[in-house]
């Protein structure tokens, strides 16, 4: 496989995984915000639980995104080094 193709695959795959984690975090915050609105304007719900969930999912997403970014950098550097040989 050509170096350019490998690099494109790695960066695209990394971007897709990162976007997926971002979506999960966004959905968690969406639920928390909806519950906050329900708490203020309507029937009560488990507001604290939803916020804790949203925070935990966001933290996990950030950690995973950092790990993915580091691994992508390592793999990109490795592919570039192999191409120079």
PDB file of N, CA and C in Angstrom:
ATOM      1  N   UNK A   1       0.853  -1.174   0.000  1.00  0.00           N
ATOM      2  CA  UNK A   1       0.000   0.000   0.000  1.00  0.00           C
ATOM      3  C   UNK A   1       0.898   1.236   0.000  1.00  0.00           C
ATOM      4  N   UNK A   2       0.577   2.200  -0.832  1.00  0.00           N
ATOM      5  CA  UNK A   2       1.378   3.411  -0.922  1.00  0.00           C
ATOM      6  C   UNK A   2       1.305   4.209   0.373  1.00  0.00           C
ATOM      7  N   UNK A   3       2.375   4.949   0.630  1.00  0.00           N
ATOM      8  CA  UNK A   3       2.448   5.743   1.849  1.00  0.00           C
ATOM      9  C   UNK A   3       1.308   6.744   1.935  1.00  0.00           C
ATOM     10  N   UNK A   4       1.020   7.428   0.845  1.00  0.00           N
ATOM     11  CA  UNK A   4      -0.063   8.413   0.859  1.00  0.00           C
ATOM     12  C   UNK A   4      -1.402   7.766   1.210  1.00  0.00           C
ATOM     13  N   UNK A   5      -1.643   6.580   0.681  1.00  0.00           N
ATOM     14  CA  UNK A   5      -2.889   5.870   0.965  1.00  0.00           C
ATOM     15  C   UNK A   5      -2.953   5.463   2.435  1.00  0.00           C
ATOM     16  N   UNK A   6      -1.837   4.971   2.967  1.00  0.00           N
ATOM     17  CA  UNK A   6      -1.786   4.597   4.379  1.00  0.00           C
ATOM     18  C   UNK A   6      -2.054   5.797   5.271  1.00  0.00           C
ATOM     19  N   UNK A   7      -1.400   6.900   4.961  1.00  0.00           N
ATOM     20  CA  UNK A   7      -1.586   8.104   5.765  1.00  0.00           C
ATOM     21  C   UNK A   7      -3.031   8.595   5.693  1.00  0.00           C
ATOM     22  N   UNK A   8      -3.591   8.561   4.521  1.00  0.00           N
ATOM     23  CA  UNK A   8      -4.980   8.997   4.362  1.00  0.00           C
ATOM     24  C   UNK A   8      -5.923   8.092   5.145  1.00  0.00           C
ATOM     25  N   UNK A   9      -5.668   6.778   5.104  1.00  0.00           N
ATOM     26  CA  UNK A   9      -6.491   5.826   5.851  1.00  0.00           C
ATOM     27  C   UNK A   9      -6.402   6.104   7.347  1.00  0.00           C
ATOM     28  N   UNK A  10      -5.190   6.274   7.847  1.00  0.00           N
ATOM     29  CA  UNK A  10      -4.978   6.493   9.281  1.00  0.00           C
ATOM     30  C   UNK A  10      -5.645   7.786   9.731  1.00  0.00           C
ATOM     31  N   UNK A  11      -5.452   8.859   8.996  1.00  0.00           N
ATOM     32  CA  UNK A  11      -6.035  10.129   9.411  1.00  0.00           C
ATOM     33  C   UNK A  11      -7.560  10.116   9.297  1.00  0.00           C
ATOM     34  N   UNK A  12      -8.087   9.463   8.269  1.00  0.00           N
ATOM     35  CA  UNK A  12      -9.538   9.385   8.114  1.00  0.00           C
ATOM     36  C   UNK A  12     -10.156   8.540   9.221  1.00  0.00           C
ATOM     37  N   UNK A  13      -9.558   7.385   9.506  1.00  0.00           N
ATOM     38  CA  UNK A  13     -10.060   6.514  10.555  1.00  0.00           C
ATOM     39  C   UNK A  13     -10.014   7.227  11.906  1.00  0.00           C
ATOM     40  N   UNK A  14      -8.932   7.930  12.165  1.00  0.00           N
ATOM     41  CA  UNK A  14      -8.786   8.684  13.410  1.00  0.00           C
ATOM     42  C   UNK A  14      -9.868   9.755  13.516  1.00  0.00           C
ATOM     43  N   UNK A  15     -10.129  10.444  12.427  1.00  0.00           N
ATOM     44  CA  UNK A  15     -11.155  11.488  12.437  1.00  0.00           C
ATOM     45  C   UNK A  15     -12.544  10.904  12.687  1.00  0.00           C
ATOM     46  N   UNK A  16     -12.826   9.744  12.117  1.00  0.00           N
ATOM     47  CA  UNK A  16     -14.128   9.115  12.316  1.00  0.00           C
ATOM     48  C   UNK A  16     -14.327   8.684  13.769  1.00  0.00           C
ATOM     49  N   UNK A  17     -13.304   8.102  14.362  1.00  0.00           N
ATOM     50  CA  UNK A  17     -13.399   7.682  15.764  1.00  0.00           C
ATOM     51  C   UNK A  17     -13.570   8.900  16.662  1.00  0.00           C
ATOM     52  N   UNK A  18     -12.801   9.944  16.396  1.00  0.00           N
ATOM     53  CA  UNK A  18     -12.904  11.172  17.179  1.00  0.00           C
ATOM     54  C   UNK A  18     -14.307  11.768  17.067  1.00  0.00           C
ATOM     55  N   UNK A  19     -14.846  11.784  15.873  1.00  0.00           N
ATOM     56  CA  UNK A  19     -16.201  12.312  15.674  1.00  0.00           C
ATOM     57  C   UNK A  19     -17.227  11.486  16.427  1.00  0.00           C
ATOM     58  N   UNK A  20     -17.041  10.178  16.460  1.00  0.00           N
ATOM     59  CA  UNK A  20     -17.978   9.309  17.175  1.00  0.00           C
ATOM     60  C   UNK A  20     -17.982   9.628  18.671  1.00  0.00           C
ATOM     61  N   UNK A  21     -16.805   9.803  19.255  1.00  0.00           N
ATOM     62  CA  UNK A  21     -16.746  10.160  20.669  1.00  0.00           C
ATOM     63  C   UNK A  21     -17.364  11.538  20.917  1.00  0.00           C
ATOM     64  N   UNK A  22     -17.141  12.453  20.003  1.00  0.00           N
ATOM     65  CA  UNK A  22     -17.760  13.775  20.125  1.00  0.00           C
ATOM     66  C   UNK A  22     -19.274  13.692  20.098  1.00  0.00           C
ATOM     67  N   UNK A  23     -19.796  12.834  19.242  1.00  0.00           N
ATOM     68  CA  UNK A  23     -21.240  12.647  19.150  1.00  0.00           C
ATOM     69  C   UNK A  23     -21.806  12.072  20.444  1.00  0.00           C
ATOM     70  N   UNK A  24     -21.133  11.097  21.012  1.00  0.00           N
ATOM     71  CA  UNK A  24     -21.596  10.494  22.268  1.00  0.00           C
ATOM     72  C   UNK A  24     -21.622  11.550  23.384  1.00  0.00           C
ATOM     73  N   UNK A  25     -20.570  12.351  23.457  1.00  0.00           N
ATOM     74  CA  UNK A  25     -20.532  13.411  24.473  1.00  0.00           C
ATOM     75  C   UNK A  25     -21.645  14.428  24.239  1.00  0.00           C
ATOM     76  N   UNK A  26     -21.863  14.784  22.983  1.00  0.00           N
ATOM     77  CA  UNK A  26     -22.926  15.740  22.668  1.00  0.00           C
ATOM     78  C   UNK A  26     -24.298  15.194  23.046  1.00  0.00           C
ATOM     79  N   UNK A  27     -24.532  13.931  22.780  1.00  0.00           N
ATOM     80  CA  UNK A  27     -25.817  13.332  23.137  1.00  0.00           C
ATOM     81  C   UNK A  27     -26.008  13.278  24.649  1.00  0.00           C
ATOM     82  N   UNK A  28     -24.930  13.016  25.376  1.00  0.00           N
ATOM     83  CA  UNK A  28     -25.017  12.991  26.840  1.00  0.00           C
ATOM     84  C   UNK A  28     -25.372  14.376  27.377  1.00  0.00           C
ATOM     85  N   UNK A  29     -24.715  15.402  26.852  1.00  0.00           N
ATOM     86  CA  UNK A  29     -25.023  16.759  27.281  1.00  0.00           C
ATOM     87  C   UNK A  29     -26.426  17.159  26.858  1.00  0.00           C
ATOM     88  N   UNK A  30     -26.867  16.692  25.715  1.00  0.00           N
ATOM     89  CA  UNK A  30     -28.220  16.976  25.258  1.00  0.00           C
ATOM     90  C   UNK A  30     -29.241  16.469  26.273  1.00  0.00           C
ATOM     91  N   UNK A  31     -29.035  15.247  26.747  1.00  0.00           N
ATOM     92  CA  UNK A  31     -29.953  14.681  27.740  1.00  0.00           C
ATOM     93  C   UNK A  31     -29.914  15.483  29.039  1.00  0.00           C
ATOM     94  N   UNK A  32     -28.711  15.872  29.449  1.00  0.00           N
ATOM     95  CA  UNK A  32     -28.571  16.624  30.698  1.00  0.00           C
ATOM     96  C   UNK A  32     -29.269  17.979  30.604  1.00  0.00           C
ATOM     97  N   UNK A  33     -29.102  18.627  29.491  1.00  0.00           N
ATOM     98  CA  UNK A  33     -29.739  19.934  29.311  1.00  0.00           C
ATOM     99  C   UNK A  33     -31.258  19.799  29.251  1.00  0.00           C
ATOM    100  N   UNK A  34     -31.738  18.762  28.560  1.00  0.00           N
ATOM    101  CA  UNK A  34     -33.187  18.522  28.519  1.00  0.00           C
ATOM    102  C   UNK A  34     -33.737  18.300  29.922  1.00  0.00           C
ATOM    103  N   UNK A  35     -33.022  17.518  30.701  1.00  0.00           N
ATOM    104  CA  UNK A  35     -33.470  17.243  32.066  1.00  0.00           C
ATOM    105  C   UNK A  35     -33.458  18.512  32.907  1.00  0.00           C
ATOM    106  N   UNK A  36     -32.464  19.371  32.694  1.00  0.00           N
ATOM    107  CA  UNK A  36     -32.406  20.633  33.441  1.00  0.00           C
ATOM    108  C   UNK A  36     -33.612  21.500  33.105  1.00  0.00           C
ATOM    109  N   UNK A  37     -33.963  21.530  31.855  1.00  0.00           N
ATOM    110  CA  UNK A  37     -35.133  22.308  31.447  1.00  0.00           C
ATOM    111  C   UNK A  37     -36.402  21.711  32.060  1.00  0.00           C
ATOM    112  N   UNK A  38     -36.509  20.374  32.024  1.00  0.00           N
ATOM    113  CA  UNK A  38     -37.674  19.722  32.638  1.00  0.00           C
ATOM    114  C   UNK A  38     -37.740  20.008  34.137  1.00  0.00           C
ATOM    115  N   UNK A  39     -36.578  20.055  34.765  1.00  0.00           N
ATOM    116  CA  UNK A  39     -36.518  20.308  36.207  1.00  0.00           C
ATOM    117  C   UNK A  39     -37.029  21.712  36.525  1.00  0.00           C
ATOM    118  N   UNK A  40     -36.647  22.648  35.704  1.00  0.00           N
ATOM    119  CA  UNK A  40     -37.037  24.032  35.952  1.00  0.00           C
ATOM    120  C   UNK A  40     -38.477  24.288  35.512  1.00  0.00           C
ATOM    121  N   UNK A  41     -38.854  23.733  34.377  1.00  0.00           N
ATOM    122  CA  UNK A  41     -40.151  24.075  33.807  1.00  0.00           C
ATOM    123  C   UNK A  41     -41.238  23.019  33.977  1.00  0.00           C
ATOM    124  N   UNK A  42     -40.852  21.794  34.275  1.00  0.00           N
ATOM    125  CA  UNK A  42     -41.876  20.754  34.296  1.00  0.00           C
ATOM    126  C   UNK A  42     -41.568  19.666  35.294  1.00  0.00           C
ATOM    127  N   UNK A  43     -42.053  18.459  34.962  1.00  0.00           N
ATOM    128  CA  UNK A  43     -41.875  17.327  35.877  1.00  0.00           C
ATOM    129  C   UNK A  43     -40.397  17.011  36.116  1.00  0.00           C
ATOM    130  N   UNK A  44     -40.092  16.679  37.380  1.00  0.00           N
ATOM    131  CA  UNK A  44     -38.711  16.404  37.767  1.00  0.00           C
ATOM    132  C   UNK A  44     -38.170  15.115  37.172  1.00  0.00           C
ATOM    133  N   UNK A  45     -36.867  15.062  37.065  1.00  0.00           N
ATOM    134  CA  UNK A  45     -36.196  13.855  36.577  1.00  0.00           C
ATOM    135  C   UNK A  45     -34.874  13.714  37.319  1.00  0.00           C
ATOM    136  N   UNK A  46     -34.140  12.727  36.954  1.00  0.00           N
ATOM    137  CA  UNK A  46     -32.863  12.467  37.609  1.00  0.00           C
ATOM    138  C   UNK A  46     -31.788  13.391  37.041  1.00  0.00           C
ATOM    139  N   UNK A  47     -31.880  14.659  37.372  1.00  0.00           N
ATOM    140  CA  UNK A  47     -31.001  15.687  36.824  1.00  0.00           C
ATOM    141  C   UNK A  47     -29.538  15.458  37.197  1.00  0.00           C
ATOM    142  N   UNK A  48     -29.281  15.203  38.449  1.00  0.00           N
ATOM    143  CA  UNK A  48     -27.897  15.008  38.892  1.00  0.00           C
ATOM    144  C   UNK A  48     -27.274  13.808  38.185  1.00  0.00           C
ATOM    145  N   UNK A  49     -28.014  12.745  38.066  1.00  0.00           N
ATOM    146  CA  UNK A  49     -27.504  11.558  37.383  1.00  0.00           C
ATOM    147  C   UNK A  49     -27.159  11.819  35.933  1.00  0.00           C
ATOM    148  N   UNK A  50     -27.996  12.581  35.254  1.00  0.00           N
ATOM    149  CA  UNK A  50     -27.721  12.895  33.851  1.00  0.00           C
ATOM    150  C   UNK A  50     -26.485  13.783  33.710  1.00  0.00           C
ATOM    151  N   UNK A  51     -26.324  14.748  34.620  1.00  0.00           N
ATOM    152  CA  UNK A  51     -25.133  15.599  34.554  1.00  0.00           C
ATOM    153  C   UNK A  51     -23.868  14.794  34.860  1.00  0.00           C
ATOM    154  N   UNK A  52     -23.943  13.915  35.837  1.00  0.00           N
ATOM    155  CA  UNK A  52     -22.790  13.061  36.139  1.00  0.00           C
ATOM    156  C   UNK A  52     -22.453  12.196  34.928  1.00  0.00           C
ATOM    157  N   UNK A  53     -23.471  11.641  34.306  1.00  0.00           N
ATOM    158  CA  UNK A  53     -23.279  10.842  33.095  1.00  0.00           C
ATOM    159  C   UNK A  53     -22.620  11.671  31.999  1.00  0.00           C
ATOM    160  N   UNK A  54     -23.129  12.871  31.776  1.00  0.00           N
ATOM    161  CA  UNK A  54     -22.583  13.736  30.729  1.00  0.00           C
ATOM    162  C   UNK A  54     -21.123  14.085  31.005  1.00  0.00           C
ATOM    163  N   UNK A  55     -20.802  14.387  32.245  1.00  0.00           N
ATOM    164  CA  UNK A  55     -19.421  14.722  32.609  1.00  0.00           C
ATOM    165  C   UNK A  55     -18.514  13.517  32.398  1.00  0.00           C
ATOM    166  N   UNK A  56     -18.945  12.341  32.860  1.00  0.00           N
ATOM    167  CA  UNK A  56     -18.124  11.138  32.698  1.00  0.00           C
ATOM    168  C   UNK A  56     -17.903  10.795  31.224  1.00  0.00           C
ATOM    169  N   UNK A  57     -18.943  10.904  30.420  1.00  0.00           N
ATOM    170  CA  UNK A  57     -18.811  10.605  28.997  1.00  0.00           C
ATOM    171  C   UNK A  57     -17.874  11.610  28.331  1.00  0.00           C
ATOM    172  N   UNK A  58     -17.978  12.869  28.721  1.00  0.00           N
ATOM    173  CA  UNK A  58     -17.100  13.893  28.154  1.00  0.00           C
ATOM    174  C   UNK A  58     -15.647  13.622  28.525  1.00  0.00           C
ATOM    175  N   UNK A  59     -15.397  13.297  29.784  1.00  0.00           N
ATOM    176  CA  UNK A  59     -14.033  12.979  30.226  1.00  0.00           C
ATOM    177  C   UNK A  59     -13.497  11.775  29.461  1.00  0.00           C
ATOM    178  N   UNK A  60     -14.311  10.737  29.343  1.00  0.00           N
ATOM    179  CA  UNK A  60     -13.891   9.547  28.599  1.00  0.00           C
ATOM    180  C   UNK A  60     -13.600   9.894  27.145  1.00  0.00           C
ATOM    181  N   UNK A  61     -14.454  10.707  26.550  1.00  0.00           N
ATOM    182  CA  UNK A  61     -14.255  11.098  25.147  1.00  0.00           C
ATOM    183  C   UNK A  61     -12.946  11.861  24.978  1.00  0.00           C
ATOM    184  N   UNK A  62     -12.666  12.782  25.882  1.00  0.00           N
ATOM    185  CA  UNK A  62     -11.423  13.555  25.801  1.00  0.00           C
ATOM    186  C   UNK A  62     -10.211  12.635  25.937  1.00  0.00           C
ATOM    187  N   UNK A  63     -10.250  11.730  26.899  1.00  0.00           N
ATOM    188  CA  UNK A  63      -9.138  10.789  27.091  1.00  0.00           C
ATOM    189  C   UNK A  63      -8.937   9.935  25.845  1.00  0.00           C
ATOM    190  N   UNK A  64     -10.017   9.402  25.312  1.00  0.00           N
ATOM    191  CA  UNK A  64      -9.907   8.551  24.121  1.00  0.00           C
ATOM    192  C   UNK A  64      -9.415   9.338  22.913  1.00  0.00           C
ATOM    193  N   UNK A  65      -9.877  10.565  22.765  1.00  0.00           N
ATOM    194  CA  UNK A  65      -9.424  11.399  21.649  1.00  0.00           C
ATOM    195  C   UNK A  65      -7.926  11.670  21.764  1.00  0.00           C
ATOM    196  N   UNK A  66      -7.443  11.943  22.972  1.00  0.00           N
ATOM    197  CA  UNK A  66      -6.005  12.160  23.165  1.00  0.00           C
ATOM    198  C   UNK A  66      -5.201  10.902  22.839  1.00  0.00           C
ATOM    199  N   UNK A  67      -5.690   9.755  23.292  1.00  0.00           N
ATOM    200  CA  UNK A  67      -5.003   8.486  22.999  1.00  0.00           C
ATOM    201  C   UNK A  67      -4.983   8.234  21.498  1.00  0.00           C
ATOM    202  N   UNK A  68      -6.113   8.441  20.854  1.00  0.00           N
ATOM    203  CA  UNK A  68      -6.200   8.219  19.407  1.00  0.00           C
ATOM    204  C   UNK A  68      -5.264   9.170  18.666  1.00  0.00           C
ATOM    205  N   UNK A  69      -5.222  10.431  19.088  1.00  0.00           N
ATOM    206  CA  UNK A  69      -4.348  11.407  18.435  1.00  0.00           C
ATOM    207  C   UNK A  69      -2.879  11.015  18.584  1.00  0.00           C
ATOM    208  N   UNK A  70      -2.494  10.566  19.770  1.00  0.00           N
ATOM    209  CA  UNK A  70      -1.098  10.133  19.985  1.00  0.00           C
ATOM    210  C   UNK A  70      -0.760   8.918  19.137  1.00  0.00           C
ATOM    211  N   UNK A  71      -1.663   7.947  19.110  1.00  0.00           N
ATOM    212  CA  UNK A  71      -1.412   6.747  18.318  1.00  0.00           C
ATOM    213  C   UNK A  71      -1.369   7.065  16.823  1.00  0.00           C
ATOM    214  N   UNK A  72      -2.231   7.971  16.392  1.00  0.00           N
ATOM    215  CA  UNK A  72      -2.238   8.381  14.990  1.00  0.00           C
ATOM    216  C   UNK A  72      -0.914   9.045  14.631  1.00  0.00           C
ATOM    217  N   UNK A  73      -0.410   9.899  15.516  1.00  0.00           N
ATOM    218  CA  UNK A  73       0.878  10.565  15.286  1.00  0.00           C
ATOM    219  C   UNK A  73       2.000   9.544  15.193  1.00  0.00           C
ATOM    220  N   UNK A  74       2.020   8.583  16.117  1.00  0.00           N
ATOM    221  CA  UNK A  74       3.055   7.547  16.097  1.00  0.00           C
ATOM    222  C   UNK A  74       2.994   6.742  14.801  1.00  0.00           C
ATOM    223  N   UNK A  75       1.798   6.343  14.418  1.00  0.00           N
ATOM    224  CA  UNK A  75       1.635   5.548  13.210  1.00  0.00           C
ATOM    225  C   UNK A  75       2.003   6.348  11.967  1.00  0.00           C
ATOM    226  N   UNK A  76       1.628   7.608  11.938  1.00  0.00           N
ATOM    227  CA  UNK A  76       1.978   8.472  10.812  1.00  0.00           C
ATOM    228  C   UNK A  76       3.488   8.627  10.712  1.00  0.00           C
ATOM    229  N   UNK A  77       4.144   8.855  11.842  1.00  0.00           N
ATOM    230  CA  UNK A  77       5.603   8.965  11.847  1.00  0.00           C
ATOM    231  C   UNK A  77       6.259   7.667  11.386  1.00  0.00           C
ATOM    232  N   UNK A  78       5.712   6.534  11.837  1.00  0.00           N
ATOM    233  CA  UNK A  78       6.238   5.225  11.442  1.00  0.00           C
ATOM    234  C   UNK A  78       6.102   5.009   9.942  1.00  0.00           C
ATOM    235  N   UNK A  79       4.951   5.341   9.396  1.00  0.00           N
ATOM    236  CA  UNK A  79       4.714   5.164   7.957  1.00  0.00           C
ATOM    237  C   UNK A  79       5.660   6.061   7.166  1.00  0.00           C
ATOM    238  N   UNK A  80       5.832   7.291   7.619  1.00  0.00           N
ATOM    239  CA  UNK A  80       6.742   8.214   6.930  1.00  0.00           C
ATOM    240  C   UNK A  80       8.182   7.705   6.998  1.00  0.00           C
ATOM    241  N   UNK A  81       8.581   7.142   8.151  1.00  0.00           N
ATOM    242  CA  UNK A  81       9.940   6.619   8.312  1.00  0.00           C
ATOM    243  C   UNK A  81      10.157   5.414   7.399  1.00  0.00           C
ATOM    244  N   UNK A  82       9.158   4.545   7.291  1.00  0.00           N
ATOM    245  CA  UNK A  82       9.255   3.380   6.396  1.00  0.00           C
ATOM    246  C   UNK A  82       9.370   3.823   4.942  1.00  0.00           C
ATOM    247  N   UNK A  83       8.709   4.904   4.606  1.00  0.00           N
ATOM    248  CA  UNK A  83       8.733   5.400   3.236  1.00  0.00           C
ATOM    249  C   UNK A  83      10.117   5.926   2.870  1.00  0.00           C
ATOM    250  N   UNK A  84      10.842   6.480   3.868  1.00  0.00           N
ATOM    251  CA  UNK A  84      12.179   7.021   3.619  1.00  0.00           C
ATOM    252  C   UNK A  84      13.212   5.915   3.420  1.00  0.00           C
ATOM    253  N   UNK A  85      12.926   4.732   3.938  1.00  0.00           N
ATOM    254  CA  UNK A  85      13.913   3.624   3.859  1.00  0.00           C
ATOM    255  C   UNK A  85      14.013   3.041   2.490  1.00  0.00           C
TER     256      UNK A  85
END
